[in-house]
Amino acid sequence: MKLYPVAVDPIPGRWMKPPPPPILVKGNEEFEVEEILNSRVHWRRLKYLIKWKGYDSGHNSWTTHYNVHALDVVAAFYRLNPRALCQVNTATFNSISFSQVDAATNWRSPCQVTMP
């Protein structure tokens, strides 16, 4: 039996490039948002299904709206999906127990996004 050296990648496209590292924004590591795929209210909070730039669809995740800092991507999502959830409905709102909010948390409404 004669042995031959194996090609570097015998099945083209099988090996994926490693995902990009997080970027530093104000001292915090953040990943870049490629696209918002959907929105929902979960545990009384608006969440977006995020497609992360450089990652495959297996890494898509639901992220609370105030943790998404890509306003242009949020605005594009609502332009393409005008009927998508962008606020808590009245029935859910009446059941929310209000408490003191930490000033460090950004509670802006995603529906009030304006593009320059």
N, C-alpha and C. Protein backbone atom coordinates (compact mmCIF):
# COMPACT_ATOMS: atom_id res chain seq x y z
N MET A 1 0.85 -1.16 0.00
CA MET A 1 0.00 0.00 0.00
C MET A 1 0.91 1.24 0.00
N LYS A 2 0.62 2.15 -0.88
CA LYS A 2 1.41 3.35 -0.99
C LYS A 2 0.63 4.53 -0.42
N LEU A 3 1.25 5.31 0.45
CA LEU A 3 0.59 6.47 1.07
C LEU A 3 0.97 7.75 0.33
N TYR A 4 -0.01 8.65 0.20
CA TYR A 4 0.20 9.94 -0.43
C TYR A 4 -0.16 11.06 0.55
N PRO A 5 0.51 12.20 0.46
CA PRO A 5 0.14 13.31 1.34
C PRO A 5 -1.27 13.83 1.03
N VAL A 6 -1.96 14.21 2.05
CA VAL A 6 -3.34 14.70 1.92
C VAL A 6 -3.32 16.17 1.53
N ALA A 7 -4.28 16.55 0.70
CA ALA A 7 -4.42 17.96 0.32
C ALA A 7 -4.78 18.78 1.56
N VAL A 8 -4.45 20.07 1.52
CA VAL A 8 -4.72 20.95 2.67
C VAL A 8 -6.20 20.95 3.02
N ASP A 9 -7.07 21.05 2.02
CA ASP A 9 -8.52 21.04 2.25
C ASP A 9 -9.15 20.10 1.22
N PRO A 10 -9.28 18.81 1.54
CA PRO A 10 -9.80 17.86 0.56
C PRO A 10 -11.26 18.13 0.18
N ILE A 11 -12.02 18.77 1.05
CA ILE A 11 -13.41 19.12 0.76
C ILE A 11 -13.51 20.64 0.80
N PRO A 12 -13.49 21.31 -0.37
CA PRO A 12 -13.50 22.77 -0.39
C PRO A 12 -14.72 23.34 0.34
N GLY A 13 -14.49 24.37 1.14
CA GLY A 13 -15.57 25.03 1.86
C GLY A 13 -15.92 24.40 3.19
N ARG A 14 -15.30 23.28 3.51
CA ARG A 14 -15.63 22.61 4.77
C ARG A 14 -15.12 23.40 5.96
N TRP A 15 -13.93 23.94 5.83
CA TRP A 15 -13.35 24.69 6.94
C TRP A 15 -13.77 26.14 6.84
N MET A 16 -14.38 26.64 7.88
CA MET A 16 -14.83 28.03 7.87
C MET A 16 -13.75 28.92 8.49
N LYS A 17 -13.75 30.16 8.06
CA LYS A 17 -12.84 31.12 8.67
C LYS A 17 -13.28 31.33 10.12
N PRO A 18 -12.35 31.58 11.01
CA PRO A 18 -12.76 31.85 12.40
C PRO A 18 -13.58 33.14 12.46
N PRO A 19 -14.55 33.21 13.38
CA PRO A 19 -15.38 34.41 13.49
C PRO A 19 -14.53 35.61 13.91
N PRO A 20 -14.99 36.81 13.56
CA PRO A 20 -14.22 38.01 13.92
C PRO A 20 -14.24 38.22 15.43
N PRO A 21 -13.18 38.82 15.96
CA PRO A 21 -13.16 39.10 17.39
C PRO A 21 -14.11 40.25 17.71
N PRO A 22 -14.53 40.38 18.96
CA PRO A 22 -15.40 41.50 19.33
C PRO A 22 -14.63 42.82 19.19
N ILE A 23 -15.39 43.90 19.00
CA ILE A 23 -14.79 45.23 18.93
C ILE A 23 -14.97 45.92 20.28
N LEU A 24 -14.09 46.83 20.60
CA LEU A 24 -14.20 47.57 21.86
C LEU A 24 -14.98 48.85 21.62
N VAL A 25 -16.06 49.04 22.38
CA VAL A 25 -16.86 50.25 22.34
C VAL A 25 -16.97 50.77 23.77
N LYS A 26 -16.35 51.90 24.01
CA LYS A 26 -16.34 52.51 25.36
C LYS A 26 -15.85 51.51 26.41
N GLY A 27 -14.85 50.73 26.05
CA GLY A 27 -14.25 49.79 26.99
C GLY A 27 -14.98 48.46 27.11
N ASN A 28 -16.09 48.28 26.39
CA ASN A 28 -16.85 47.03 26.44
C ASN A 28 -16.70 46.28 25.13
N GLU A 29 -16.59 44.97 25.21
CA GLU A 29 -16.52 44.14 24.01
C GLU A 29 -17.92 43.98 23.43
N GLU A 30 -18.06 44.26 22.13
CA GLU A 30 -19.33 44.10 21.45
C GLU A 30 -19.10 43.42 20.11
N PHE A 31 -20.12 42.70 19.65
CA PHE A 31 -20.07 42.05 18.35
C PHE A 31 -20.91 42.86 17.37
N GLU A 32 -20.53 42.83 16.11
CA GLU A 32 -21.21 43.64 15.10
C GLU A 32 -22.48 42.94 14.62
N VAL A 33 -23.57 43.71 14.52
CA VAL A 33 -24.85 43.19 14.06
C VAL A 33 -24.89 43.25 12.54
N GLU A 34 -25.18 42.13 11.91
CA GLU A 34 -25.31 42.11 10.45
C GLU A 34 -26.74 42.41 10.05
N GLU A 35 -27.71 41.80 10.76
CA GLU A 35 -29.11 41.94 10.38
C GLU A 35 -29.99 41.58 11.57
N ILE A 36 -31.16 42.22 11.65
CA ILE A 36 -32.19 41.82 12.62
C ILE A 36 -33.20 41.01 11.85
N LEU A 37 -33.47 39.80 12.33
CA LEU A 37 -34.33 38.87 11.61
C LEU A 37 -35.78 38.89 12.09
N ASN A 38 -35.99 39.21 13.38
CA ASN A 38 -37.34 39.16 13.93
C ASN A 38 -37.36 39.94 15.25
N SER A 39 -38.57 40.17 15.77
CA SER A 39 -38.71 40.79 17.10
C SER A 39 -39.83 40.08 17.85
N ARG A 40 -39.76 40.16 19.17
CA ARG A 40 -40.79 39.54 20.02
C ARG A 40 -40.73 40.19 21.40
N VAL A 41 -41.79 39.98 22.18
CA VAL A 41 -41.79 40.38 23.59
C VAL A 41 -41.65 39.11 24.40
N HIS A 42 -40.62 39.07 25.24
CA HIS A 42 -40.35 37.90 26.07
C HIS A 42 -40.03 38.40 27.47
N TRP A 43 -40.74 37.91 28.46
CA TRP A 43 -40.56 38.36 29.83
C TRP A 43 -40.71 39.89 29.92
N ARG A 44 -41.73 40.40 29.20
CA ARG A 44 -42.08 41.82 29.21
C ARG A 44 -41.00 42.73 28.64
N ARG A 45 -40.12 42.19 27.85
CA ARG A 45 -39.06 42.99 27.22
C ARG A 45 -39.04 42.72 25.72
N LEU A 46 -38.84 43.79 24.95
CA LEU A 46 -38.72 43.66 23.52
C LEU A 46 -37.36 43.06 23.19
N LYS A 47 -37.36 42.02 22.36
CA LYS A 47 -36.11 41.36 21.98
C LYS A 47 -36.05 41.24 20.47
N TYR A 48 -34.82 41.25 19.96
CA TYR A 48 -34.57 41.08 18.53
C TYR A 48 -33.79 39.80 18.30
N LEU A 49 -34.13 39.10 17.21
CA LEU A 49 -33.34 37.96 16.77
C LEU A 49 -32.23 38.51 15.89
N ILE A 50 -30.99 38.40 16.37
CA ILE A 50 -29.84 39.04 15.74
C ILE A 50 -29.03 38.03 14.93
N LYS A 51 -28.67 38.43 13.71
CA LYS A 51 -27.68 37.69 12.89
C LYS A 51 -26.38 38.45 13.06
N TRP A 52 -25.39 37.83 13.68
CA TRP A 52 -24.11 38.47 13.98
C TRP A 52 -23.19 38.42 12.77
N LYS A 53 -22.50 39.50 12.50
CA LYS A 53 -21.62 39.60 11.34
C LYS A 53 -20.43 38.64 11.49
N GLY A 54 -20.20 37.81 10.47
CA GLY A 54 -19.09 36.87 10.48
C GLY A 54 -19.41 35.53 11.12
N TYR A 55 -20.63 35.35 11.62
CA TYR A 55 -21.04 34.10 12.25
C TYR A 55 -22.13 33.44 11.43
N ASP A 56 -22.25 32.11 11.51
CA ASP A 56 -23.29 31.42 10.78
C ASP A 56 -24.62 31.51 11.53
N SER A 57 -25.67 30.99 10.93
CA SER A 57 -27.02 31.11 11.51
C SER A 57 -27.17 30.34 12.83
N GLY A 58 -26.28 29.43 13.11
CA GLY A 58 -26.32 28.72 14.39
C GLY A 58 -25.99 29.60 15.58
N HIS A 59 -25.41 30.76 15.31
CA HIS A 59 -25.07 31.70 16.39
C HIS A 59 -26.08 32.83 16.53
N ASN A 60 -27.17 32.83 15.73
CA ASN A 60 -28.21 33.84 15.89
C ASN A 60 -28.74 33.76 17.31
N SER A 61 -29.06 34.92 17.89
CA SER A 61 -29.55 34.91 19.27
C SER A 61 -30.55 36.04 19.51
N TRP A 62 -31.41 35.82 20.50
CA TRP A 62 -32.37 36.84 20.91
C TRP A 62 -31.68 37.78 21.89
N THR A 63 -31.74 39.09 21.61
CA THR A 63 -31.06 40.09 22.41
C THR A 63 -32.05 41.19 22.78
N THR A 64 -32.04 41.62 24.03
CA THR A 64 -32.93 42.68 24.50
C THR A 64 -32.63 43.98 23.76
N HIS A 65 -33.69 44.73 23.46
CA HIS A 65 -33.55 45.90 22.59
C HIS A 65 -32.54 46.93 23.09
N TYR A 66 -32.40 47.09 24.39
CA TYR A 66 -31.47 48.12 24.87
C TYR A 66 -30.01 47.66 24.81
N ASN A 67 -29.77 46.41 24.43
CA ASN A 67 -28.40 45.93 24.23
C ASN A 67 -27.98 45.97 22.77
N VAL A 68 -28.88 46.40 21.90
CA VAL A 68 -28.57 46.51 20.47
C VAL A 68 -28.21 47.96 20.19
N HIS A 69 -26.97 48.20 19.79
CA HIS A 69 -26.49 49.57 19.59
C HIS A 69 -26.32 49.92 18.11
N ALA A 70 -26.91 49.13 17.23
CA ALA A 70 -26.82 49.36 15.79
C ALA A 70 -28.13 50.00 15.32
N LEU A 71 -28.25 51.30 15.52
CA LEU A 71 -29.50 51.99 15.22
C LEU A 71 -29.86 51.93 13.74
N ASP A 72 -28.86 51.95 12.86
CA ASP A 72 -29.13 51.88 11.43
C ASP A 72 -29.73 50.52 11.06
N VAL A 73 -29.28 49.46 11.71
CA VAL A 73 -29.80 48.12 11.43
C VAL A 73 -31.23 48.00 11.98
N VAL A 74 -31.49 48.59 13.15
CA VAL A 74 -32.84 48.58 13.72
C VAL A 74 -33.79 49.34 12.80
N ALA A 75 -33.36 50.51 12.33
CA ALA A 75 -34.20 51.30 11.43
C ALA A 75 -34.48 50.54 10.14
N ALA A 76 -33.47 49.86 9.59
CA ALA A 76 -33.66 49.07 8.37
C ALA A 76 -34.65 47.93 8.62
N PHE A 77 -34.60 47.30 9.78
CA PHE A 77 -35.53 46.22 10.12
C PHE A 77 -36.97 46.74 10.11
N TYR A 78 -37.21 47.90 10.73
CA TYR A 78 -38.57 48.44 10.78
C TYR A 78 -39.03 49.00 9.44
N ARG A 79 -38.11 49.42 8.58
CA ARG A 79 -38.50 49.83 7.23
C ARG A 79 -38.98 48.62 6.43
N LEU A 80 -38.30 47.49 6.59
CA LEU A 80 -38.68 46.27 5.87
C LEU A 80 -39.86 45.55 6.52
N ASN A 81 -40.06 45.75 7.83
CA ASN A 81 -41.11 45.06 8.59
C ASN A 81 -41.90 46.08 9.41
N PRO A 82 -42.72 46.92 8.76
CA PRO A 82 -43.41 47.99 9.49
C PRO A 82 -44.39 47.49 10.54
N ARG A 83 -44.86 46.26 10.42
CA ARG A 83 -45.81 45.74 11.41
C ARG A 83 -45.14 44.92 12.50
N ALA A 84 -43.82 44.88 12.52
CA ALA A 84 -43.09 44.12 13.54
C ALA A 84 -43.26 44.77 14.90
N LEU A 85 -43.13 43.97 15.94
CA LEU A 85 -43.27 44.49 17.30
C LEU A 85 -42.21 45.55 17.58
N CYS A 86 -42.65 46.69 18.09
CA CYS A 86 -41.69 47.72 18.47
C CYS A 86 -42.03 48.32 19.81
N GLN A 87 -43.06 47.79 20.45
CA GLN A 87 -43.39 48.26 21.79
C GLN A 87 -44.25 47.21 22.47
N VAL A 88 -44.43 47.38 23.77
CA VAL A 88 -45.22 46.44 24.56
C VAL A 88 -46.68 46.84 24.44
N ASN A 89 -47.57 45.87 24.17
CA ASN A 89 -48.98 46.22 24.01
C ASN A 89 -49.62 46.56 25.35
N THR A 90 -50.82 47.12 25.32
CA THR A 90 -51.49 47.61 26.53
C THR A 90 -51.73 46.51 27.54
N ALA A 91 -52.15 45.33 27.10
CA ALA A 91 -52.42 44.23 28.03
C ALA A 91 -51.16 43.85 28.80
N THR A 92 -50.04 43.80 28.12
CA THR A 92 -48.78 43.48 28.77
C THR A 92 -48.33 44.64 29.64
N PHE A 93 -48.52 45.85 29.15
CA PHE A 93 -48.09 47.04 29.89
C PHE A 93 -48.78 47.14 31.24
N ASN A 94 -50.07 46.81 31.30
CA ASN A 94 -50.81 46.90 32.56
C ASN A 94 -50.33 45.89 33.60
N SER A 95 -49.66 44.84 33.17
CA SER A 95 -49.21 43.82 34.11
C SER A 95 -47.76 44.04 34.57
N ILE A 96 -47.11 45.08 34.06
CA ILE A 96 -45.72 45.34 34.44
C ILE A 96 -45.66 45.99 35.82
N SER A 97 -44.82 45.45 36.68
CA SER A 97 -44.61 46.08 37.98
C SER A 97 -43.44 47.05 37.84
N PHE A 98 -43.70 48.32 38.05
CA PHE A 98 -42.67 49.33 37.86
C PHE A 98 -41.77 49.42 39.07
N SER A 99 -40.50 49.68 38.82
CA SER A 99 -39.53 49.85 39.89
C SER A 99 -38.48 50.85 39.45
N GLN A 100 -37.57 51.20 40.32
CA GLN A 100 -36.51 52.16 40.00
C GLN A 100 -35.60 51.57 38.93
N VAL A 101 -35.28 52.36 37.92
CA VAL A 101 -34.45 51.91 36.82
C VAL A 101 -33.03 52.39 37.04
N ASP A 102 -32.08 51.49 36.78
CA ASP A 102 -30.68 51.85 36.88
C ASP A 102 -30.35 52.87 35.79
N ALA A 103 -29.71 53.96 36.13
CA ALA A 103 -29.41 55.02 35.18
C ALA A 103 -28.43 54.57 34.10
N ALA A 104 -27.68 53.51 34.35
CA ALA A 104 -26.71 53.03 33.37
C ALA A 104 -27.38 52.28 32.22
N THR A 105 -28.63 51.85 32.42
CA THR A 105 -29.34 51.11 31.40
C THR A 105 -30.03 52.08 30.45
N ASN A 106 -29.85 51.88 29.17
CA ASN A 106 -30.45 52.75 28.16
C ASN A 106 -31.82 52.20 27.81
N TRP A 107 -32.88 52.90 28.15
CA TRP A 107 -34.24 52.41 27.94
C TRP A 107 -34.92 53.11 26.77
N ARG A 108 -34.17 53.58 25.79
CA ARG A 108 -34.79 54.27 24.68
C ARG A 108 -35.69 53.32 23.90
N SER A 109 -36.71 53.84 23.29
CA SER A 109 -37.61 53.04 22.49
C SER A 109 -37.02 52.84 21.11
N PRO A 110 -36.99 51.62 20.60
CA PRO A 110 -36.43 51.38 19.27
C PRO A 110 -37.29 52.00 18.18
N CYS A 111 -38.55 52.30 18.46
CA CYS A 111 -39.44 52.86 17.45
C CYS A 111 -39.18 54.34 17.21
N GLN A 112 -38.39 54.97 18.05
CA GLN A 112 -38.12 56.39 17.90
C GLN A 112 -36.77 56.62 17.24
N VAL A 113 -36.33 55.65 16.47
CA VAL A 113 -35.03 55.76 15.79
C VAL A 113 -35.18 56.72 14.63
N THR A 114 -34.27 57.68 14.53
CA THR A 114 -34.25 58.59 13.40
C THR A 114 -32.93 58.46 12.70
N MET A 115 -32.98 58.47 11.41
CA MET A 115 -31.75 58.35 10.62
C MET A 115 -31.28 59.74 10.21
N PRO A 116 -29.98 60.02 10.28
CA PRO A 116 -29.49 61.35 9.88
C PRO A 116 -29.62 61.59 8.38
